[in-house]
Amino acid sequence: MELVDLKACEGTDPPSRLPAAIEPRELGGVHLMAGVGGGGKTHEQLIDTGLRNTLFVPPSYELREEKVNKYGVDSKVLAVALGGNHEAVQAIHRYYGSIIWDEVSQWSMQSLEAVLTRFPYHQHILCGDPGFQFECIFDRAADTPQTPFTIEAFEALGFPVTHYTFSHRCKCDVLRGVQNTLRQMIKLNLPHVICLGLQKLR
């Protein structure tokens, strides 16, 4: 019987015993799914049957409730996963292999360090839109300086990033053009131009 390496190298064909439609995912490690709201970055992870013993970790109970009701996924909020409840943390170690962290644009790089330190043997999938969504929420009680989570800093650590650029949530081509223009303005750091443009749209 021929053994097949499931950790197919990037750019190679899928292993022969997998359907052609399946894209092999790197086993273990840390991966960022970054991009526009409605792009499917979180949805695709929550419906991926190749991920086993998955835990969804959002920042809020409201988002947790929404995803639990829609996908039936196991979930704990960020404050519990990184908090001091020993039993809750041990349950994550015992029962889950893949953790999907949502809204990581609100993280600092120190948050990432805390996650990887507490859960060093899990597969980590991070979902968010750093630089374009709600900004980093700093821990006021922290003793050391904090830096916002950015794609550039994440890539500098050697971790892969998958970009989502098309929003399935937007059904209007005109609105899609406005959204793309605003994202480009944000990327170029032109807040005054954004304000003027929004005033003209009224």
C-alpha atoms as a PDB file:
ATOM      1  CA  MET A   1       0.000   0.000   0.000  1.00  0.00           C
ATOM      2  CA  GLU A   2       1.430   3.342  -1.037  1.00  0.00           C
ATOM      3  CA  LEU A   3       1.676   5.938   1.720  1.00  0.00           C
ATOM      4  CA  VAL A   4       0.569   9.455   0.827  1.00  0.00           C
ATOM      5  CA  ASP A   5       1.998  12.582   2.449  1.00  0.00           C
ATOM      6  CA  LEU A   6      -1.028  14.686   3.378  1.00  0.00           C
ATOM      7  CA  LYS A   7       1.213  17.691   3.970  1.00  0.00           C
ATOM      8  CA  ALA A   8       1.407  18.482   0.264  1.00  0.00           C
ATOM      9  CA  CYS A   9       3.853  21.249  -0.597  1.00  0.00           C
ATOM     10  CA  GLU A  10       2.448  24.512  -1.892  1.00  0.00           C
ATOM     11  CA  GLY A  11       1.945  24.426  -5.648  1.00  0.00           C
ATOM     12  CA  THR A  12       1.740  20.643  -5.877  1.00  0.00           C
ATOM     13  CA  ASP A  13      -1.293  18.516  -6.766  1.00  0.00           C
ATOM     14  CA  PRO A  14      -3.531  17.186  -3.949  1.00  0.00           C
ATOM     15  CA  PRO A  15      -2.652  13.695  -2.652  1.00  0.00           C
ATOM     16  CA  SER A  16      -4.198  11.034  -4.890  1.00  0.00           C
ATOM     17  CA  ARG A  17      -6.632   9.708  -2.299  1.00  0.00           C
ATOM     18  CA  LEU A  18      -8.304  13.112  -1.848  1.00  0.00           C
ATOM     19  CA  PRO A  19     -10.992  14.427  -4.225  1.00  0.00           C
ATOM     20  CA  ALA A  20      -9.684  16.945  -6.752  1.00  0.00           C
ATOM     21  CA  ALA A  21     -11.907  19.663  -5.247  1.00  0.00           C
ATOM     22  CA  ILE A  22     -10.131  19.417  -1.897  1.00  0.00           C
ATOM     23  CA  GLU A  23      -7.315  21.880  -1.247  1.00  0.00           C
ATOM     24  CA  PRO A  24      -4.840  20.361   1.241  1.00  0.00           C
ATOM     25  CA  ARG A  25      -4.400  22.476   4.361  1.00  0.00           C
ATOM     26  CA  GLU A  26      -1.087  22.650   6.171  1.00  0.00           C
ATOM     27  CA  LEU A  27      -1.247  20.464   9.249  1.00  0.00           C
ATOM     28  CA  GLY A  28      -0.903  22.279  12.541  1.00  0.00           C
ATOM     29  CA  GLY A  29       0.610  25.727  12.827  1.00  0.00           C
ATOM     30  CA  VAL A  30      -0.896  29.183  12.716  1.00  0.00           C
ATOM     31  CA  HIS A  31      -2.769  30.657   9.743  1.00  0.00           C
ATOM     32  CA  LEU A  32      -4.416  34.071   9.253  1.00  0.00           C
ATOM     33  CA  MET A  33      -7.567  34.432   7.139  1.00  0.00           C
ATOM     34  CA  ALA A  34      -7.663  38.154   6.385  1.00  0.00           C
ATOM     35  CA  GLY A  35     -10.008  40.245   4.303  1.00  0.00           C
ATOM     36  CA  VAL A  36     -13.297  42.002   3.747  1.00  0.00           C
ATOM     37  CA  GLY A  37     -16.400  41.472   5.833  1.00  0.00           C
ATOM     38  CA  GLY A  38     -18.650  38.924   4.177  1.00  0.00           C
ATOM     39  CA  GLY A  39     -15.718  37.411   2.296  1.00  0.00           C
ATOM     40  CA  GLY A  40     -16.197  33.988   3.876  1.00  0.00           C
ATOM     41  CA  LYS A  41     -13.036  33.908   5.946  1.00  0.00           C
ATOM     42  CA  THR A  42     -14.816  32.700   9.094  1.00  0.00           C
ATOM     43  CA  HIS A  43     -17.634  30.836   7.339  1.00  0.00           C
ATOM     44  CA  GLU A  44     -15.254  28.618   5.373  1.00  0.00           C
ATOM     45  CA  GLN A  45     -13.445  27.574   8.550  1.00  0.00           C
ATOM     46  CA  LEU A  46     -16.655  26.759  10.417  1.00  0.00           C
ATOM     47  CA  ILE A  47     -17.942  24.467   7.647  1.00  0.00           C
ATOM     48  CA  ASP A  48     -14.586  22.785   6.962  1.00  0.00           C
ATOM     49  CA  THR A  49     -15.193  19.133   7.856  1.00  0.00           C
ATOM     50  CA  GLY A  50     -11.471  18.479   7.622  1.00  0.00           C
ATOM     51  CA  LEU A  51     -10.961  20.391  10.875  1.00  0.00           C
ATOM     52  CA  ARG A  52     -11.511  18.066  13.806  1.00  0.00           C
ATOM     53  CA  ASN A  53     -12.551  18.966  17.363  1.00  0.00           C
ATOM     54  CA  THR A  54     -12.940  22.630  16.476  1.00  0.00           C
ATOM     55  CA  LEU A  55     -13.477  25.445  18.968  1.00  0.00           C
ATOM     56  CA  PHE A  56     -14.701  28.889  17.859  1.00  0.00           C
ATOM     57  CA  VAL A  57     -13.419  31.794  19.980  1.00  0.00           C
ATOM     58  CA  PRO A  58     -14.927  35.259  19.326  1.00  0.00           C
ATOM     59  CA  PRO A  59     -14.466  38.368  21.502  1.00  0.00           C
ATOM     60  CA  SER A  60     -18.144  38.710  22.493  1.00  0.00           C
ATOM     61  CA  TYR A  61     -20.998  36.540  23.751  1.00  0.00           C
ATOM     62  CA  GLU A  62     -23.291  38.054  21.103  1.00  0.00           C
ATOM     63  CA  LEU A  63     -21.082  36.788  18.260  1.00  0.00           C
ATOM     64  CA  ARG A  64     -20.635  33.481  20.051  1.00  0.00           C
ATOM     65  CA  GLU A  65     -24.394  33.013  20.292  1.00  0.00           C
ATOM     66  CA  GLU A  66     -24.872  33.862  16.611  1.00  0.00           C
ATOM     67  CA  LYS A  67     -22.318  31.315  15.363  1.00  0.00           C
ATOM     68  CA  VAL A  68     -23.409  28.589  17.795  1.00  0.00           C
ATOM     69  CA  ASN A  69     -27.007  28.914  16.591  1.00  0.00           C
ATOM     70  CA  LYS A  70     -26.021  29.032  12.901  1.00  0.00           C
ATOM     71  CA  TYR A  71     -23.285  26.388  12.756  1.00  0.00           C
ATOM     72  CA  GLY A  72     -23.722  24.335  15.925  1.00  0.00           C
ATOM     73  CA  VAL A  73     -20.042  24.860  16.714  1.00  0.00           C
ATOM     74  CA  ASP A  74     -18.512  24.585  20.188  1.00  0.00           C
ATOM     75  CA  SER A  75     -17.490  28.010  21.415  1.00  0.00           C
ATOM     76  CA  LYS A  76     -15.948  29.988  24.252  1.00  0.00           C
ATOM     77  CA  VAL A  77     -15.325  33.728  24.301  1.00  0.00           C
ATOM     78  CA  LEU A  78     -11.800  35.137  24.271  1.00  0.00           C
ATOM     79  CA  ALA A  79     -11.948  36.258  27.908  1.00  0.00           C
ATOM     80  CA  VAL A  80     -12.632  32.668  28.993  1.00  0.00           C
ATOM     81  CA  ALA A  81      -9.990  31.108  26.735  1.00  0.00           C
ATOM     82  CA  LEU A  82      -7.304  33.481  28.015  1.00  0.00           C
ATOM     83  CA  GLY A  83      -8.733  33.976  31.506  1.00  0.00           C
ATOM     84  CA  GLY A  84      -7.951  32.445  34.861  1.00  0.00           C
ATOM     85  CA  ASN A  85     -10.602  29.701  34.896  1.00  0.00           C
ATOM     86  CA  HIS A  86      -8.355  26.660  35.101  1.00  0.00           C
ATOM     87  CA  GLU A  87     -11.111  24.149  34.350  1.00  0.00           C
ATOM     88  CA  ALA A  88     -12.205  26.016  31.193  1.00  0.00           C
ATOM     89  CA  VAL A  89      -8.625  26.216  29.924  1.00  0.00           C
ATOM     90  CA  GLN A  90      -7.962  22.549  30.659  1.00  0.00           C
ATOM     91  CA  ALA A  91     -11.143  21.626  28.772  1.00  0.00           C
ATOM     92  CA  ILE A  92      -9.767  23.383  25.683  1.00  0.00           C
ATOM     93  CA  HIS A  93      -6.511  21.433  26.001  1.00  0.00           C
ATOM     94  CA  ARG A  94      -8.360  18.158  26.488  1.00  0.00           C
ATOM     95  CA  TYR A  95     -11.173  18.292  23.934  1.00  0.00           C
ATOM     96  CA  TYR A  96     -10.089  20.532  21.030  1.00  0.00           C
ATOM     97  CA  GLY A  97      -7.421  20.353  18.349  1.00  0.00           C
ATOM     98  CA  SER A  98      -8.250  23.349  16.133  1.00  0.00           C
ATOM     99  CA  ILE A  99      -9.119  26.806  17.439  1.00  0.00           C
ATOM    100  CA  ILE A 100     -10.732  29.456  15.238  1.00  0.00           C
ATOM    101  CA  TRP A 101     -10.081  32.913  16.685  1.00  0.00           C
ATOM    102  CA  ASP A 102     -12.402  35.605  15.313  1.00  0.00           C
ATOM    103  CA  GLU A 103     -12.091  39.402  15.043  1.00  0.00           C
ATOM    104  CA  VAL A 104      -8.323  39.375  15.540  1.00  0.00           C
ATOM    105  CA  SER A 105      -8.126  42.973  14.283  1.00  0.00           C
ATOM    106  CA  GLN A 106      -8.966  43.817  17.926  1.00  0.00           C
ATOM    107  CA  TRP A 107      -5.863  41.980  19.128  1.00  0.00           C
ATOM    108  CA  SER A 108      -2.427  43.220  19.990  1.00  0.00           C
ATOM    109  CA  MET A 109       0.663  41.235  19.035  1.00  0.00           C
ATOM    110  CA  GLN A 110       0.903  40.449  22.734  1.00  0.00           C
ATOM    111  CA  SER A 111      -2.528  38.785  22.472  1.00  0.00           C
ATOM    112  CA  LEU A 112      -1.129  36.491  19.782  1.00  0.00           C
ATOM    113  CA  GLU A 113       1.840  35.691  21.992  1.00  0.00           C
ATOM    114  CA  ALA A 114      -0.507  34.865  24.890  1.00  0.00           C
ATOM    115  CA  VAL A 115      -2.576  32.544  22.666  1.00  0.00           C
ATOM    116  CA  LEU A 116       0.436  30.641  21.334  1.00  0.00           C
ATOM    117  CA  THR A 117       1.985  30.400  24.788  1.00  0.00           C
ATOM    118  CA  ARG A 118      -1.164  29.037  26.415  1.00  0.00           C
ATOM    119  CA  PHE A 119      -2.070  26.666  23.557  1.00  0.00           C
ATOM    120  CA  PRO A 120       1.239  25.651  21.933  1.00  0.00           C
ATOM    121  CA  TYR A 121       0.033  22.331  20.485  1.00  0.00           C
ATOM    122  CA  HIS A 122      -3.198  23.423  18.781  1.00  0.00           C
ATOM    123  CA  GLN A 123      -3.882  24.394  15.201  1.00  0.00           C
ATOM    124  CA  HIS A 124      -4.699  28.119  15.244  1.00  0.00           C
ATOM    125  CA  ILE A 125      -6.826  29.768  12.554  1.00  0.00           C
ATOM    126  CA  LEU A 126      -7.126  33.533  12.940  1.00  0.00           C
ATOM    127  CA  CYS A 127      -9.908  35.451  11.175  1.00  0.00           C
ATOM    128  CA  GLY A 128     -10.153  39.210  10.825  1.00  0.00           C
ATOM    129  CA  ASP A 129      -9.487  42.321   8.793  1.00  0.00           C
ATOM    130  CA  PRO A 130      -6.556  44.087  10.493  1.00  0.00           C
ATOM    131  CA  GLY A 131      -6.302  47.733   9.543  1.00  0.00           C
ATOM    132  CA  PHE A 132      -9.885  47.961   8.298  1.00  0.00           C
ATOM    133  CA  GLN A 133     -12.099  46.710  11.141  1.00  0.00           C
ATOM    134  CA  PHE A 134     -12.453  47.716  14.777  1.00  0.00           C
ATOM    135  CA  GLU A 135      -9.011  48.593  16.089  1.00  0.00           C
ATOM    136  CA  CYS A 136      -6.909  46.964  18.772  1.00  0.00           C
ATOM    137  CA  ILE A 137      -8.347  47.032  22.292  1.00  0.00           C
ATOM    138  CA  PHE A 138      -5.394  47.550  24.599  1.00  0.00           C
ATOM    139  CA  ASP A 139      -5.185  45.953  28.021  1.00  0.00           C
ATOM    140  CA  ARG A 140      -4.986  48.869  30.447  1.00  0.00           C
ATOM    141  CA  ALA A 141      -3.643  46.588  33.158  1.00  0.00           C
ATOM    142  CA  ALA A 142      -0.705  45.387  31.047  1.00  0.00           C
ATOM    143  CA  ASP A 143       2.750  46.046  32.455  1.00  0.00           C
ATOM    144  CA  THR A 144       4.509  46.119  29.081  1.00  0.00           C
ATOM    145  CA  PRO A 145       3.890  48.208  25.944  1.00  0.00           C
ATOM    146  CA  GLN A 146       1.421  46.746  23.460  1.00  0.00           C
ATOM    147  CA  THR A 147       1.497  46.898  19.680  1.00  0.00           C
ATOM    148  CA  PRO A 148      -1.538  46.421  17.407  1.00  0.00           C
ATOM    149  CA  PHE A 149      -1.921  43.166  15.515  1.00  0.00           C
ATOM    150  CA  THR A 150      -0.965  43.743  11.869  1.00  0.00           C
ATOM    151  CA  ILE A 151      -0.630  41.489   8.836  1.00  0.00           C
ATOM    152  CA  GLU A 152       2.942  42.688   8.340  1.00  0.00           C
ATOM    153  CA  ALA A 153       3.978  41.782  11.886  1.00  0.00           C
ATOM    154  CA  PHE A 154       2.207  38.420  11.606  1.00  0.00           C
ATOM    155  CA  GLU A 155       3.955  37.568   8.317  1.00  0.00           C
ATOM    156  CA  ALA A 156       7.286  38.628   9.806  1.00  0.00           C
ATOM    157  CA  LEU A 157       6.894  35.704  12.230  1.00  0.00           C
ATOM    158  CA  GLY A 158       6.827  33.350   9.250  1.00  0.00           C
ATOM    159  CA  PHE A 159       3.129  32.463   9.404  1.00  0.00           C
ATOM    160  CA  PRO A 160       0.976  32.163   6.237  1.00  0.00           C
ATOM    161  CA  VAL A 161      -1.872  34.524   5.299  1.00  0.00           C
ATOM    162  CA  THR A 162      -4.852  33.864   3.020  1.00  0.00           C
ATOM    163  CA  HIS A 163      -6.527  37.012   1.653  1.00  0.00           C
ATOM    164  CA  TYR A 164     -10.271  37.345   0.995  1.00  0.00           C
ATOM    165  CA  THR A 165     -11.059  40.258  -1.312  1.00  0.00           C
ATOM    166  CA  PHE A 166     -14.639  39.663  -2.514  1.00  0.00           C
ATOM    167  CA  SER A 167     -17.597  40.352  -0.202  1.00  0.00           C
ATOM    168  CA  HIS A 168     -20.547  38.005  -0.766  1.00  0.00           C
ATOM    169  CA  ARG A 169     -22.558  40.156   1.625  1.00  0.00           C
ATOM    170  CA  CYS A 170     -22.665  43.091  -0.788  1.00  0.00           C
ATOM    171  CA  LYS A 171     -25.142  42.578  -3.659  1.00  0.00           C
ATOM    172  CA  CYS A 172     -24.876  46.029  -5.283  1.00  0.00           C
ATOM    173  CA  ASP A 173     -22.035  46.710  -7.721  1.00  0.00           C
ATOM    174  CA  VAL A 174     -22.203  50.462  -7.048  1.00  0.00           C
ATOM    175  CA  LEU A 175     -21.906  49.921  -3.303  1.00  0.00           C
ATOM    176  CA  ARG A 176     -19.114  47.418  -3.887  1.00  0.00           C
ATOM    177  CA  GLY A 177     -17.200  50.102  -5.794  1.00  0.00           C
ATOM    178  CA  VAL A 178     -17.676  52.527  -2.900  1.00  0.00           C
ATOM    179  CA  GLN A 179     -16.467  49.907  -0.424  1.00  0.00           C
ATOM    180  CA  ASN A 180     -13.370  49.142  -2.486  1.00  0.00           C
ATOM    181  CA  THR A 181     -12.601  52.859  -2.804  1.00  0.00           C
ATOM    182  CA  LEU A 182     -12.954  53.404   0.934  1.00  0.00           C
ATOM    183  CA  ARG A 183     -10.670  50.460   1.672  1.00  0.00           C
ATOM    184  CA  GLN A 184      -8.056  51.917  -0.652  1.00  0.00           C
ATOM    185  CA  MET A 185      -8.363  55.301   1.087  1.00  0.00           C
ATOM    186  CA  ILE A 186      -7.947  53.665   4.486  1.00  0.00           C
ATOM    187  CA  LYS A 187      -4.931  51.767   3.190  1.00  0.00           C
ATOM    188  CA  LEU A 188      -3.394  55.037   1.982  1.00  0.00           C
ATOM    189  CA  ASN A 189      -4.278  56.741   5.289  1.00  0.00           C
ATOM    190  CA  LEU A 190      -6.498  59.444   3.777  1.00  0.00           C
ATOM    191  CA  PRO A 191      -9.154  60.021   6.486  1.00  0.00           C
ATOM    192  CA  HIS A 192      -9.920  63.593   5.357  1.00  0.00           C
ATOM    193  CA  VAL A 193     -10.595  62.375   1.812  1.00  0.00           C
ATOM    194  CA  ILE A 194     -12.901  59.678   3.196  1.00  0.00           C
ATOM    195  CA  CYS A 195     -14.946  62.285   5.098  1.00  0.00           C
ATOM    196  CA  LEU A 196     -15.300  64.485   2.011  1.00  0.00           C
ATOM    197  CA  GLY A 197     -16.304  61.495  -0.086  1.00  0.00           C
ATOM    198  CA  LEU A 198     -18.970  60.407   2.392  1.00  0.00           C
ATOM    199  CA  GLN A 199     -20.415  63.926   2.479  1.00  0.00           C
ATOM    200  CA  LYS A 200     -20.824  63.851  -1.324  1.00  0.00           C
ATOM    201  CA  LEU A 201     -22.666  60.529  -1.102  1.00  0.00           C
ATOM    202  CA  ARG A 202     -25.398  61.975   1.116  1.00  0.00           C
END
